[in-house]
Amino acid sequence: MLSREAIDVIYLLTAVSFMLALKLMNGPKTARTGNWLAAGGMTLALAATFFLPGIGNFQWIALAFVIGSFFGVWSARRVQMTAMPQMVALFNGLGGGAVALVALVEYPGLFSPNSESVMPLGVRLTTTILSLLIGCVSFSGSMIAFAKLQELMTGRPIVYPGQKVVNFIVFVSAVVLMVLLATGGMAPGLFFGLLALALVMGVVFVLPIGGADMPVVISLLNSFTGCAAGLAGFVLGNTALLIGGGLVGASGLILTLDMCKAMNRSLSNVVFGAFGAVTAGALEASSHTGTVRSYSVEDAAIIFGSANSVIIVPGYGMAVAQAQHVVKELAAKLQERDIDVRYAIHPVAGRMPGHMNVLLAEADVPYEQLFDLEEINPMFAEADVALVIGANDVVNPAARYDKASPIYGMPILDVDKARTVIVCKRGMNPGFAGIENELFLLPNTIMVFGNAKTTIAKLSSALDSV
């Protein structure tokens, strides 16, 4: 049997492993090590928890551990990188739901005369109420985010008459119930009423937000889950849960704010702006006169053959087609011709930060060839060819000047300044913002339509004949 002091030391080691893991995940070369370190720390914390005084029902805990581990490994190995955002949303929601369940279990024991806690009842009660509220909001909100990203429901903002009034009533009612619970005695009816209202709050919070902003919402809800887990750790007196929850809450909030900065938008605008609910007027204002020029793969190969510098811009279309390996092969052939090749990475390309970095790292693209927006934008004017693979809103010039556009002010990659822009895309469908892309109509842009993986592979083969 481990002493309480030994368990606390293990929890301290767990906290240190979490902090080091976050540091290691800051770069693609060390991210895998960071993941393993975090997983090892969590395993250590789980093992130590079995030795806490008062822990019982070991067979059920062990069964849950085995089942959870199996489904975690199974789902992680099966999920495609394109589906990673919705998987994160799903896991995050389950975390919030777990915290809410802890609050449900702990609530009756708060008023037990046999309670051995040294914390005042008011502190434990307030913390439990907040755990329930935040956990339920995170759970239901994450489930809606998952459904939108998985296309189980429309990714467009869902708005209806009187929505703000409904949201206000739900919010005020939840606050009133929290005050009543915190200032009164045991009231299971009010507690379950708060649970229901919190679940509704999560739904009405996410419904008006469009699919383009789901990564931001998931990150924010992840921060909520971390805060709720930290509160649960405070109630349970579990140091590992408290520190781990605090780290998740803080890092999730930092990531959320960084993504908002990358889109040049405030968090309040993301949450309340219904990004993606594009009106007819906005669509009309974003239209641009011009002609779409469609080239064959062979014509595009000739252009590449005469280039001295190429900048590749990966987007969600590359992720969907799993084209990163053929892109690497094309880049290798270009480099064999002494053509300078670089990759331009937008902070919010794809559906989650770092999405493109992970895909390209999987294809063994040298990290030194990856450039972020601030570094690469001055280079486009000197580039002979900018190859855009499945990117849309992050390369739309309308973001610079069209105040009627929902992406106005968002920093974009300046691909239109390259001498020639080659866009590999399946069709002319708009991106997540739901607006036309003026880049496709510019005189220096040519379109090569088709699946990214197939098209880039053909382009690579055609280059051999040039």
Foldseek 3Di string as FASTA:
>chain_A
DDDPVVLVVLLVLLLVLLVVLVVQCVDPVRNVVSVVSNVVSVVSNLVSVCPDPPDDPVVVVVVCVVVVVVVVVVCVVPDALLLVLLVLLQVLLVLLVVLLVLLVVCQVVLPDPPDPDPDDSLLLQLLSLLLNLLSLLSNLLSVVLSCCSVVVDPQAADDDPPLVVVLVVLVVLLVVLSVCSSPDDDDVVSSVVNNVSSNVNSNSQRRLAGNLCSQLVSLQSQLSSLSSQLSSCVSVVNSSSNSRSNVSNVVSVVQSCVVCVLLVHDPCCRRPVSQQPADPVLQVLLDDDFDFAADELLVVLVLLLPWQEEEEEEAQLCSVLLQLQLVVLLVVVSVVVNRHYAYEYRQCGRHYGCSVVNSNVVNVDDPVRYDYQVVCQVVQLVGQEYEYEPTAPQAAPCLDPRPSQSSNPNHHRPNLNHQAYEYEEQDQAHDSSRHGGCSSRDPRYHYHHDRRNVSSNVSSVSNVVD
